[in-house]
Structure formats: C-alpha cells, structure tokens
Protein backbone atom coordinates (compact mmCIF):
# COMPACT_ATOMS: atom_id res chain seq x y z
CA UNK A 1 0.00 0.00 0.00
CA UNK A 2 1.30 3.46 -0.90
CA UNK A 3 0.19 6.64 0.86
CA UNK A 4 1.60 10.03 -0.10
CA UNK A 5 4.81 8.47 -1.38
CA UNK A 6 5.19 6.18 1.64
CA UNK A 7 4.93 2.46 0.89
CA UNK A 8 3.46 0.07 3.45
CA UNK A 9 3.10 -3.69 3.35
CA UNK A 10 0.40 -5.38 5.39
CA UNK A 11 -0.91 -3.54 8.44
CA UNK A 12 0.07 0.03 9.19
CA UNK A 13 1.59 1.01 12.50
CA UNK A 14 0.47 4.11 14.35
CA UNK A 15 3.84 5.79 13.76
CA UNK A 16 3.64 5.08 10.02
CA UNK A 17 0.08 6.40 9.88
CA UNK A 18 1.05 9.61 11.67
CA UNK A 19 3.93 10.16 9.22
CA UNK A 20 1.59 9.56 6.29
CA UNK A 21 -1.04 12.00 7.60
CA UNK A 22 1.59 14.67 8.13
CA UNK A 23 2.82 14.14 4.58
CA UNK A 24 -0.73 14.37 3.26
CA UNK A 25 -1.24 17.66 5.09
CA UNK A 26 1.41 19.28 2.85
CA UNK A 27 -0.16 18.22 -0.45
CA UNK A 28 -2.66 21.07 -0.59
CA UNK A 29 0.07 23.71 -0.63
CA UNK A 30 1.43 22.30 -3.88
CA UNK A 31 -1.84 22.46 -5.84
CA UNK A 32 -2.39 25.55 -8.00
CA UNK A 33 -6.18 25.62 -7.68
CA UNK A 34 -6.42 29.00 -9.42
CA UNK A 35 -5.36 27.43 -12.71
CA UNK A 36 -7.58 24.34 -12.42
CA UNK A 37 -10.34 23.72 -14.94
CA UNK A 38 -13.91 23.40 -13.59
CA UNK A 39 -13.92 19.61 -14.05
CA UNK A 40 -10.60 19.41 -12.16
CA UNK A 41 -12.03 21.45 -9.29
CA UNK A 42 -15.07 19.15 -9.13
CA UNK A 43 -12.79 16.10 -9.15
CA UNK A 44 -10.57 17.63 -6.45
CA UNK A 45 -13.58 18.44 -4.29
CA UNK A 46 -14.89 14.87 -4.65
CA UNK A 47 -11.48 13.49 -3.67
CA UNK A 48 -11.25 15.76 -0.64
CA UNK A 49 -14.74 14.71 0.46
CA UNK A 50 -13.79 11.06 0.12
CA UNK A 51 -10.68 11.65 2.22
CA UNK A 52 -12.74 13.53 4.80
CA UNK A 53 -15.10 10.59 5.13
CA UNK A 54 -12.15 8.24 5.67
CA UNK A 55 -10.62 10.53 8.32
CA UNK A 56 -14.00 10.97 10.01
CA UNK A 57 -14.36 7.20 10.17
CA UNK A 58 -10.94 6.84 11.76
CA UNK A 59 -11.61 9.66 14.22
CA UNK A 60 -14.82 7.94 15.32
CA UNK A 61 -12.94 4.68 15.89
CA UNK A 62 -10.24 6.52 17.86
CA UNK A 63 -12.87 8.28 19.99
CA UNK A 64 -14.73 5.04 20.65
CA UNK A 65 -11.49 3.37 21.78
CA UNK A 66 -10.66 6.31 24.05
CA UNK A 67 -14.15 6.23 25.54
CA UNK A 68 -13.95 2.50 26.18
CA UNK A 69 -10.59 2.85 27.95
CA UNK A 70 -11.90 5.75 30.02
CA UNK A 71 -14.73 3.51 31.16
CA UNK A 72 -12.12 1.13 32.60
CA UNK A 73 -10.20 3.94 34.27
CA UNK A 74 -7.04 3.54 32.17
CA UNK A 75 -7.46 6.07 29.38
CA UNK A 76 -8.10 9.68 28.49
CA UNK A 77 -11.69 10.81 27.93
CA UNK A 78 -12.67 11.23 24.28
CA UNK A 79 -13.28 15.02 24.35
CA UNK A 80 -9.89 15.57 26.01
CA UNK A 81 -8.17 13.44 23.38
CA UNK A 82 -9.83 15.31 20.52
CA UNK A 83 -9.04 18.66 22.12
CA UNK A 84 -5.29 17.95 22.22
CA UNK A 85 -3.42 20.89 23.69
CA UNK A 86 -6.36 23.21 23.20
CA UNK A 87 -4.79 25.02 20.23
CA UNK A 88 -6.03 22.62 17.54
CA UNK A 89 -9.82 22.74 17.78
CA UNK A 90 -12.50 24.38 19.88
CA UNK A 91 -13.87 22.54 22.87
CA UNK A 92 -17.27 22.47 21.19
CA UNK A 93 -15.75 20.75 18.14
CA UNK A 94 -14.02 18.20 20.37
CA UNK A 95 -17.26 17.43 22.20
CA UNK A 96 -19.13 17.01 18.91
CA UNK A 97 -16.45 14.61 17.65
CA UNK A 98 -16.70 12.67 20.91
CA UNK A 99 -20.51 12.47 20.64
CA UNK A 100 -20.09 11.29 17.06
CA UNK A 101 -17.69 8.55 18.17
CA UNK A 102 -20.00 7.35 20.95
CA UNK A 103 -22.95 7.25 18.57
CA UNK A 104 -21.06 5.19 16.00
CA UNK A 105 -19.74 2.86 18.72
CA UNK A 106 -23.09 2.46 20.46
CA UNK A 107 -25.06 1.75 17.29
CA UNK A 108 -23.55 -1.20 15.48
CA UNK A 109 -25.18 -0.56 12.11
CA UNK A 110 -24.21 3.10 12.15
CA UNK A 111 -20.61 2.24 13.00
CA UNK A 112 -20.45 -0.39 10.26
CA UNK A 113 -21.91 2.04 7.72
CA UNK A 114 -19.25 4.62 8.65
CA UNK A 115 -16.43 2.11 8.23
CA UNK A 116 -17.81 1.01 4.87
CA UNK A 117 -17.98 4.62 3.72
CA UNK A 118 -21.77 4.55 3.26
CA UNK A 119 -22.38 7.51 5.55
CA UNK A 120 -20.22 10.33 6.87
CA UNK A 121 -19.88 12.49 9.93
CA UNK A 122 -22.79 14.79 9.02
CA UNK A 123 -25.23 11.87 9.01
CA UNK A 124 -23.85 10.52 12.30
CA UNK A 125 -24.19 14.00 13.80
CA UNK A 126 -27.85 14.05 12.75
CA UNK A 127 -28.43 10.65 14.38
CA UNK A 128 -26.60 11.74 17.54
CA UNK A 129 -28.66 14.93 17.77
CA UNK A 130 -31.93 13.04 17.29
CA UNK A 131 -30.93 10.41 19.85
CA UNK A 132 -29.82 12.93 22.47
CA UNK A 133 -33.09 12.87 24.45
CA UNK A 134 -33.73 9.15 24.05
CA UNK A 135 -32.92 6.43 26.55
CA UNK A 136 -30.22 3.88 25.57
CA UNK A 137 -32.90 1.34 24.64
CA UNK A 138 -34.82 3.93 22.63
CA UNK A 139 -31.65 4.96 20.81
CA UNK A 140 -31.31 1.43 19.46
CA UNK A 141 -34.59 1.95 17.59
CA UNK A 142 -32.61 4.35 15.37
CA UNK A 143 -29.98 1.65 14.81
CA UNK A 144 -31.78 0.13 11.83
CA UNK A 145 -31.04 -0.71 8.20
CA UNK A 146 -33.85 1.65 7.16
CA UNK A 147 -32.20 4.60 8.91
CA UNK A 148 -28.82 3.74 7.33
CA UNK A 149 -30.42 3.48 3.89
CA UNK A 150 -32.03 6.89 4.38
CA UNK A 151 -28.72 8.36 5.58
CA UNK A 152 -26.94 7.01 2.51
CA UNK A 153 -29.53 8.16 -0.03
CA UNK A 154 -31.02 11.44 1.25
CA UNK A 155 -29.44 14.90 1.30
CA UNK A 156 -28.07 15.64 4.77
CA UNK A 157 -30.68 18.28 5.66
CA UNK A 158 -33.52 16.03 4.51
CA UNK A 159 -32.10 13.08 6.45
CA UNK A 160 -31.73 15.20 9.60
CA UNK A 161 -35.44 16.06 9.46
CA UNK A 162 -36.29 12.42 8.77
CA UNK A 163 -34.32 11.02 11.73
CA UNK A 164 -35.61 13.80 14.01
CA UNK A 165 -39.15 12.79 13.04
CA UNK A 166 -38.35 9.14 13.80
CA UNK A 167 -37.06 10.13 17.25
CA UNK A 168 -40.28 12.00 17.95
CA UNK A 169 -42.29 8.89 17.05
CA UNK A 170 -40.14 6.84 19.40
CA UNK A 171 -40.70 9.31 22.26
CA UNK A 172 -44.40 9.31 21.42
CA UNK A 173 -44.93 13.02 22.13
CA UNK A 174 -44.54 14.34 18.56
CA UNK A 175 -41.98 16.88 19.73
CA UNK A 176 -43.91 18.44 22.63
CA UNK A 177 -41.08 18.03 25.17
CA UNK A 178 -38.56 19.38 22.66
CA UNK A 179 -40.75 22.41 21.94
CA UNK A 180 -41.17 23.19 25.65
CA UNK A 181 -37.39 22.90 26.11
CA UNK A 182 -36.80 25.31 23.22
CA UNK A 183 -39.27 27.79 24.67
CA UNK A 184 -37.39 27.65 27.97
CA UNK A 185 -34.04 28.12 26.21
CA UNK A 186 -35.21 31.20 24.30
CA UNK A 187 -33.08 34.17 25.30
CA UNK A 188 -32.26 37.82 24.59
CA UNK A 189 -28.91 39.51 25.27
CA UNK A 190 -27.63 42.97 24.44
CA UNK A 191 -24.41 44.87 25.03
CA UNK A 192 -22.24 47.69 23.72
CA UNK A 193 -19.11 46.72 21.81
CA UNK A 194 -16.46 48.98 23.34
CA UNK A 195 -14.21 48.72 20.30
CA UNK A 196 -16.77 49.66 17.63
CA UNK A 197 -19.16 51.65 19.80
CA UNK A 198 -22.06 49.70 18.29
CA UNK A 199 -24.89 48.23 20.31
CA UNK A 200 -25.25 44.51 19.73
CA UNK A 201 -28.14 42.11 20.25
CA UNK A 202 -28.03 38.33 20.39
CA UNK A 203 -31.25 36.36 20.67
CA UNK A 204 -32.61 32.91 20.04
CA UNK A 205 -36.23 31.84 19.97
CA UNK A 206 -38.26 28.69 19.70
CA UNK A 207 -39.53 27.99 16.13
CA UNK A 208 -42.99 29.49 16.66
CA UNK A 209 -41.80 32.84 17.97
CA UNK A 210 -38.90 32.90 15.51
CA UNK A 211 -41.32 32.46 12.59
CA UNK A 212 -43.55 35.28 13.87
CA UNK A 213 -40.60 37.66 14.39
CA UNK A 214 -38.99 36.94 11.03
CA UNK A 215 -42.28 37.35 9.18
CA UNK A 216 -42.94 40.68 10.91
CA UNK A 217 -39.48 42.03 10.07
CA UNK A 218 -39.62 40.81 6.45
CA UNK A 219 -43.05 42.38 5.94
CA UNK A 220 -41.74 45.68 7.31
CA UNK A 221 -38.61 45.46 5.12
CA UNK A 222 -40.79 44.93 2.04
CA UNK A 223 -42.96 47.90 3.00
CA UNK A 224 -39.96 50.20 3.50
CA UNK A 225 -38.33 49.04 0.26
CA UNK A 226 -41.52 49.67 -1.73
CA UNK A 227 -42.15 53.08 -0.17
CA UNK A 228 -38.58 54.27 -0.69
CA UNK A 229 -37.91 52.55 -4.00
CA UNK A 230 -34.77 50.97 -2.57
CA UNK A 231 -33.30 47.47 -2.39
CA UNK A 232 -33.71 45.15 0.57
CA UNK A 233 -30.50 45.25 2.61
CA UNK A 234 -29.28 44.29 6.08
CA UNK A 235 -29.31 47.99 7.00
CA UNK A 236 -32.94 48.27 5.94
CA UNK A 237 -33.75 45.18 8.03
CA UNK A 238 -32.15 46.88 11.05
CA UNK A 239 -34.37 49.92 10.46
CA UNK A 240 -37.42 47.66 10.14
CA UNK A 241 -36.63 45.86 13.40
CA UNK A 242 -36.08 49.19 15.17
CA UNK A 243 -39.41 50.54 13.93
CA UNK A 244 -41.22 47.40 15.08
CA UNK A 245 -39.60 47.33 18.52
CA UNK A 246 -40.21 51.03 19.18
CA UNK A 247 -43.79 51.04 17.88
CA UNK A 248 -43.03 53.31 14.94
CA UNK A 249 -43.79 50.74 12.24
CA UNK A 250 -46.84 50.90 10.02
CA UNK A 251 -48.24 47.44 10.52
CA UNK A 252 -51.49 45.69 9.86
CA UNK A 253 -53.46 45.03 13.00
CA UNK A 254 -53.98 41.49 14.18
CA UNK A 255 -52.06 38.50 15.52
CA UNK A 256 -48.45 37.66 14.63
CA UNK A 257 -48.18 36.06 11.20
CA UNK A 258 -47.04 32.43 11.28
CA UNK A 259 -47.04 30.15 8.24
CA UNK A 260 -47.61 26.48 8.95
CA UNK A 261 -47.88 23.44 6.71
CA UNK A 262 -50.15 20.80 8.24
CA UNK A 263 -51.88 17.76 6.77
CA UNK A 264 -55.63 17.47 7.31
CA UNK A 265 -55.39 14.31 9.48
CA UNK A 266 -53.05 16.01 11.95
CA UNK A 267 -55.31 19.04 12.01
CA UNK A 268 -58.37 16.93 12.72
CA UNK A 269 -57.04 14.09 14.87
CA UNK A 270 -53.55 15.00 16.11
CA UNK A 271 -50.15 13.50 15.37
CA UNK A 272 -49.68 10.31 13.39
CA UNK A 273 -46.81 8.41 11.79
CA UNK A 274 -46.69 10.49 8.59
CA UNK A 275 -47.75 13.74 10.22
CA UNK A 276 -46.78 16.96 8.40
CA UNK A 277 -46.63 19.86 10.89
CA UNK A 278 -43.99 22.43 10.14
CA UNK A 279 -43.35 26.14 10.06
CA UNK A 280 -42.46 27.61 6.68
CA UNK A 281 -38.74 27.03 7.21
CA UNK A 282 -39.23 23.38 8.18
CA UNK A 283 -39.12 23.56 11.99
CA UNK A 284 -41.39 20.96 13.58
CA UNK A 285 -44.26 21.94 15.87
CA UNK A 286 -46.12 19.52 18.16
CA UNK A 287 -49.84 18.87 17.52
CA UNK A 288 -50.66 20.75 20.74
CA UNK A 289 -49.11 23.94 19.38
CA UNK A 290 -50.87 23.44 16.04
CA UNK A 291 -54.24 23.09 17.81
CA UNK A 292 -53.64 26.32 19.75
CA UNK A 293 -52.52 28.31 16.72
CA UNK A 294 -55.43 27.30 14.49
CA UNK A 295 -57.94 28.58 17.04
CA UNK A 296 -57.38 32.04 15.58
CA UNK A 297 -55.97 31.31 12.15
CA UNK A 298 -56.86 31.65 8.50
CA UNK A 299 -56.76 28.14 7.08
CA UNK A 300 -56.08 27.69 3.38
CA UNK A 301 -56.62 24.23 2.01
CA UNK A 302 -54.22 23.06 -0.70
CA UNK A 303 -56.38 20.97 -3.04
CA UNK A 304 -54.60 18.23 -5.00
CA UNK A 305 -55.57 16.23 -8.06
CA UNK A 306 -55.63 12.44 -8.49
CA UNK A 307 -51.80 12.45 -8.63
CA UNK A 308 -51.63 14.39 -5.34
CA UNK A 309 -50.31 17.47 -7.14
CA UNK A 310 -51.87 20.90 -6.32
CA UNK A 311 -54.40 22.15 -8.88
CA UNK A 312 -53.62 24.49 -11.79
CA UNK A 313 -54.92 27.81 -13.09
CA UNK A 314 -53.77 27.62 -16.74
CA UNK A 315 -53.04 30.88 -18.56
CA UNK A 316 -55.52 33.08 -16.71
CA UNK A 317 -52.64 34.56 -14.68
CA UNK A 318 -49.12 35.55 -15.71
CA UNK A 319 -47.72 35.23 -12.19
CA UNK A 320 -48.35 32.63 -9.52
CA UNK A 321 -51.44 33.31 -7.45
CA UNK A 322 -51.48 33.49 -3.65
CA UNK A 323 -53.07 30.06 -3.63
CA UNK A 324 -50.32 28.63 -5.79
CA UNK A 325 -47.68 30.13 -3.52
CA UNK A 326 -49.38 28.38 -0.61
CA UNK A 327 -49.14 25.17 -2.63
CA UNK A 328 -45.45 25.76 -3.29
CA UNK A 329 -44.94 26.37 0.44
CA UNK A 330 -46.51 22.99 1.11
CA UNK A 331 -43.80 21.42 -1.06
CA UNK A 332 -40.66 23.52 -0.62
CA UNK A 333 -38.85 25.12 2.29
CA UNK A 334 -36.16 26.69 0.14
CA UNK A 335 -35.15 27.41 -3.45
CA UNK A 336 -35.78 24.29 -5.56
CA UNK A 337 -32.19 24.28 -6.90
CA UNK A 338 -30.18 21.33 -5.64
CA UNK A 339 -28.22 22.26 -2.53
CA UNK A 340 -29.57 25.83 -2.29
CA UNK A 341 -30.68 26.86 1.19
CA UNK A 342 -32.07 30.31 0.37
CA UNK A 343 -35.51 30.58 2.03
CA UNK A 344 -38.72 30.56 0.04
CA UNK A 345 -39.35 34.20 0.91
CA UNK A 346 -36.32 35.07 -1.25
CA UNK A 347 -37.65 33.17 -4.27
CA UNK A 348 -39.68 33.91 -7.40
CA UNK A 349 -42.00 31.41 -9.10
CA UNK A 350 -40.24 30.35 -12.31
CA UNK A 351 -42.11 28.92 -15.33
CA UNK A 352 -40.30 25.82 -16.62
CA UNK A 353 -41.91 26.40 -20.01
CA UNK A 354 -41.90 30.17 -20.11
CA UNK A 355 -45.10 32.17 -20.28
CA UNK A 356 -44.05 34.14 -23.35
CA UNK A 357 -43.49 30.85 -25.19
CA UNK A 358 -46.94 29.46 -24.31
CA UNK A 359 -46.18 28.11 -20.86
CA UNK A 360 -49.04 27.84 -18.37
CA UNK A 361 -49.17 29.13 -14.82
CA UNK A 362 -49.77 25.61 -13.50
CA UNK A 363 -48.15 24.02 -10.48
CA UNK A 364 -46.64 21.34 -12.71
CA UNK A 365 -44.86 24.17 -14.58
CA UNK A 366 -43.73 26.26 -11.56
CA UNK A 367 -40.77 25.98 -9.22
CA UNK A 368 -39.44 28.49 -6.65
CA UNK A 369 -35.99 29.86 -7.58
CA UNK A 370 -33.92 32.38 -5.65
CA UNK A 371 -32.63 35.43 -7.50
CA UNK A 372 -29.19 33.89 -8.12
CA UNK A 373 -30.51 30.69 -9.69
CA UNK A 374 -33.31 32.50 -11.51
CA UNK A 375 -30.60 34.54 -13.26
CA UNK A 376 -28.64 31.33 -13.93
CA UNK A 377 -31.59 30.01 -15.96
CA UNK A 378 -32.53 33.21 -17.77
CA UNK A 379 -29.12 34.76 -18.40
CA UNK A 380 -26.63 32.01 -17.56
CA UNK A 381 -27.66 29.39 -20.10
CA UNK A 382 -28.73 26.77 -17.55
CA UNK A 383 -31.91 24.83 -18.27
CA UNK A 384 -34.29 22.85 -16.07
CA UNK A 385 -36.93 20.21 -16.60
CA UNK A 386 -39.49 18.94 -14.15
CA UNK A 387 -41.39 15.71 -13.73
CA UNK A 388 -45.02 16.75 -13.03
CA UNK A 389 -45.86 13.70 -10.89
CA UNK A 390 -42.80 13.52 -8.62
CA UNK A 391 -41.54 17.10 -9.10
CA UNK A 392 -38.09 15.62 -9.68
CA UNK A 393 -36.03 18.48 -11.07
CA UNK A 394 -33.21 18.02 -13.56
CA UNK A 395 -30.76 20.90 -13.84
CA UNK A 396 -28.59 21.13 -16.95
CA UNK A 397 -25.38 23.06 -17.15
CA UNK A 398 -24.58 24.88 -20.40
CA UNK A 399 -22.15 22.05 -21.21
CA UNK A 400 -25.16 19.65 -21.23
CA UNK A 401 -24.21 17.73 -18.08
CA UNK A 402 -26.85 17.71 -15.37
CA UNK A 403 -27.69 16.84 -11.83
CA UNK A 404 -31.11 16.18 -10.35
CA UNK A 405 -33.09 16.53 -7.17
CA UNK A 406 -34.93 13.44 -5.96
CA UNK A 407 -38.09 15.15 -4.65
CA UNK A 408 -39.12 18.46 -3.07
CA UNK A 409 -38.17 19.42 0.49
CA UNK A 410 -41.54 18.24 1.68
CA UNK A 411 -43.20 15.13 0.29
CA UNK A 412 -46.00 15.69 -2.18
CA UNK A 413 -49.10 15.65 0.09
CA UNK A 414 -50.46 12.11 0.45
CA UNK A 415 -47.64 10.49 -1.52
CA UNK A 416 -45.22 8.23 0.33
CA UNK A 417 -41.48 8.78 -0.03
CA UNK A 418 -41.03 5.28 -1.40
CA UNK A 419 -43.55 6.02 -4.16
CA UNK A 420 -41.64 9.18 -4.95
CA UNK A 421 -38.39 7.23 -5.18
CA UNK A 422 -39.98 4.65 -7.46
CA UNK A 423 -41.42 7.32 -9.73
CA UNK A 424 -38.10 9.14 -9.79
CA UNK A 425 -36.26 6.10 -11.10
CA UNK A 426 -34.95 4.94 -7.73
CA UNK A 427 -33.02 8.14 -7.19
CA UNK A 428 -30.66 7.50 -10.12
CA UNK A 429 -29.39 10.95 -10.95
CA UNK A 430 -28.08 9.93 -14.35
CA UNK A 431 -31.36 8.57 -15.73
CA UNK A 432 -33.58 10.81 -17.82
CA UNK A 433 -37.28 11.06 -17.06
CA UNK A 434 -39.24 10.69 -20.31
CA UNK A 435 -42.33 12.29 -18.76
CA UNK A 436 -40.49 15.42 -17.64
CA UNK A 437 -41.46 18.80 -18.99
CA UNK A 438 -38.68 19.95 -21.27
CA UNK A 439 -37.77 23.46 -22.21
CA UNK A 440 -34.50 24.83 -23.51
CA UNK A 441 -33.96 28.50 -24.15
CA UNK A 442 -33.18 29.35 -27.78
C-alpha cells in the first residue's frame, strides 16, 4: 500500500500512519487551484470529500477506543483526546467529535456504515442529535437498516429532518417536550461593543416565535423598500426591526403572522406516523401547538388532483397566485435548486416552459428559484426540466451535463417517499425522465 509516497506492506503502525497523515497535510500547498479547470475542481472536491469521510471514520474509531478505555479507568476521555493541547480545535468541536464517536460505537449498524464509507460524519451527527433525548434502549430503535439506507440516499438536511421525526415517534410526544425545552431556552442579550461603539443584540427563539418575528421584520422590510424605492439590505432590516420594537412601524393590526404546513389528518385528529406539521422554514411543531394556533388562524386548504399534485390555473394569470404560492410552500422550504438553502421568501416562481413561449401558470410548470438561480436560468444558459408527478427536477449546465433533485423538500401531500423514489427512477441521478417537462432557451 502506498500513501503520499510512503509504501506500506500489510498492516500500518500508528507511527507510520502519523507520518503519512503529516505528509498528506502538505499536499494542498502544492496544488495551484487558481489554474484548475472546472472539471478538475469538481474532481478535487470529490477526492477531498472522500478523504474527509475516511478521516472521520478513523476519528470515530479513535474516539470510541478512548471512551472504552476511560470507562475502565485507564485512558483519556474522548473530548480531552480530541481537544489535544487546546490550540487545535474548539472545545465544542471536540465534544461534537466525541458524541459522534459514541454514537457510532453504540449503534452497530451506524458504526459499520461509517467504516464502509456509506455515511459520513454529518449523518452521524444528525443521528446523535436526534438520539440525544432518548434512553439507551430507545436509541437502538434508530440503529436500523432503514435509517442507514435513508442516511446514505437522502441529502443531509432532509435526512436530519427524517431522523428527528423518527425520534419524535419513538418518544411518542410528537416533539412536545422538545418544543417546551426550546421555549425555555429562548433568550435575549444585548451589550455595547467597546471597540466599535455599536450596540449589539443576540437572541434565540423557539420555532414558533422565531417564525412570527422573522415574518414581521420581512413584511416591514418589504414595506420600506416599496415606499422608498430601494433594495432590501441588512441595514434596511435593522431599520425595520427598530421601527417594530419602538412602535413606529406601520403594521397591519392582528395576531403575529405564522405560516404552517399541516396535513388534514393532523389538524383533525392530532399527530400520526406520517404527520406533516412544520413552520415555513421546516421547523417541527407539536400537535398541541398546532391546535392552539389554528384557534385564531386563517386556514387555506391546498387541493390536490388524483396524482396528489396541487391544482392548476392555466393561462388566466401571468404570475403565480397566492393560492399557488401556498401550494409551493406545502412542497418547498427553500429554493428548488439542488443544494440551495435560500428561504422561500427570497424566491420567485419560475415557469419551466416560459409564459411568453406558451407556458401555463400551473403548479406542474412552476418551481421556486432564488434570485441567483433565476438569473442562472434566464441569463446564464442553464436549463431545467421537471417531472409533473414527482416534481423531480433536472438541472442542466450549459455544457449539457446535469444533476437532479430526488423530490421536493416536503413530500407531495399524500404520496409516500417510497412512491416518490420509485417514480423518480430509484433516485438514479443519471437517468432521464421521459415524462419530464422539457424546455430549452433558444
């Protein structure tokens, strides 16, 4: 075996491994990334990610061994080992690495999946976070082949929501205890920075209050931008927040505005296995909070057709209607572009087949795109196509290569994830969908 110019035969000693890692650490300095072609940068990134997964796997094994020795009183605790002399990583990073190691060691399938390279540290972190408030026996209910398969196939953010939902089902309270804990952890701090002379505020809120505050500030920002004919900026947001806090804002009367996406069964009967009960940004709310909020709420039903896709309006409207935006909110938390985390409030409804070329303002022809990716399609030469049944989006670069999303952030209402995977060709990103809507700019 050869590693960074060092040749090993058979097993590798610790000293040899340390020498190899130190040699590897110098490789990056010799790469002229500025002169790399795009395909070389993509290849380099993929190689780095593969190496990171291997190092993460080894770190988890090291941490598990340290933890086991500590349990027998003859070794250093895992966080202390990861911390080193305190100059290498933050204590918080060391504790997270230790939690990751304990999770992989305590859950046999997770540990095996890490060693086989099926999942990485981000997925283990998601499992560890979800298992944090579970008993040891309950944690083993997340140690399943189904969870590993989801970790290996789903985007990290989607998997984190999935495993968090599974933990809630195991606890049986649909997130009520977690929500109460978040309410109790909500905090507000303020101070004057002596160096800059600026007043600073740091706050964190539970999902319900966070949603209400963000919506109020964004509405005020939009009002100020429209009245002044200016762009939305961080400075304008500061002015909006000041106006709201000091009572100087022009606001509509009524209760705080909170967007929720809830399925009809949860609304009528409470939580269930496939319950959908989220704020607009994807934070989970317990059925008890949903029941309280809907006492004084405007409910808008998203009606779906026989394929469980929201209904259309044809060419009666050039832009998406309020009802269609509610439908998009029931499907997406963020921009539809793969890997983009810009919130839906930053997005515009894009026609796959453009209106001026005969495209219809139908849900099967609309996706939310942030400003950056909207420009990429219209001015950058990128093209997209969408499967109307699964809403699987294929995104084509100008050089004709493409990547694809598997399904929207939220499942199509009433359609199981497995059905979505089947309809999307099993998640194969290289397979074309013959039923997809196709449109290429001329």
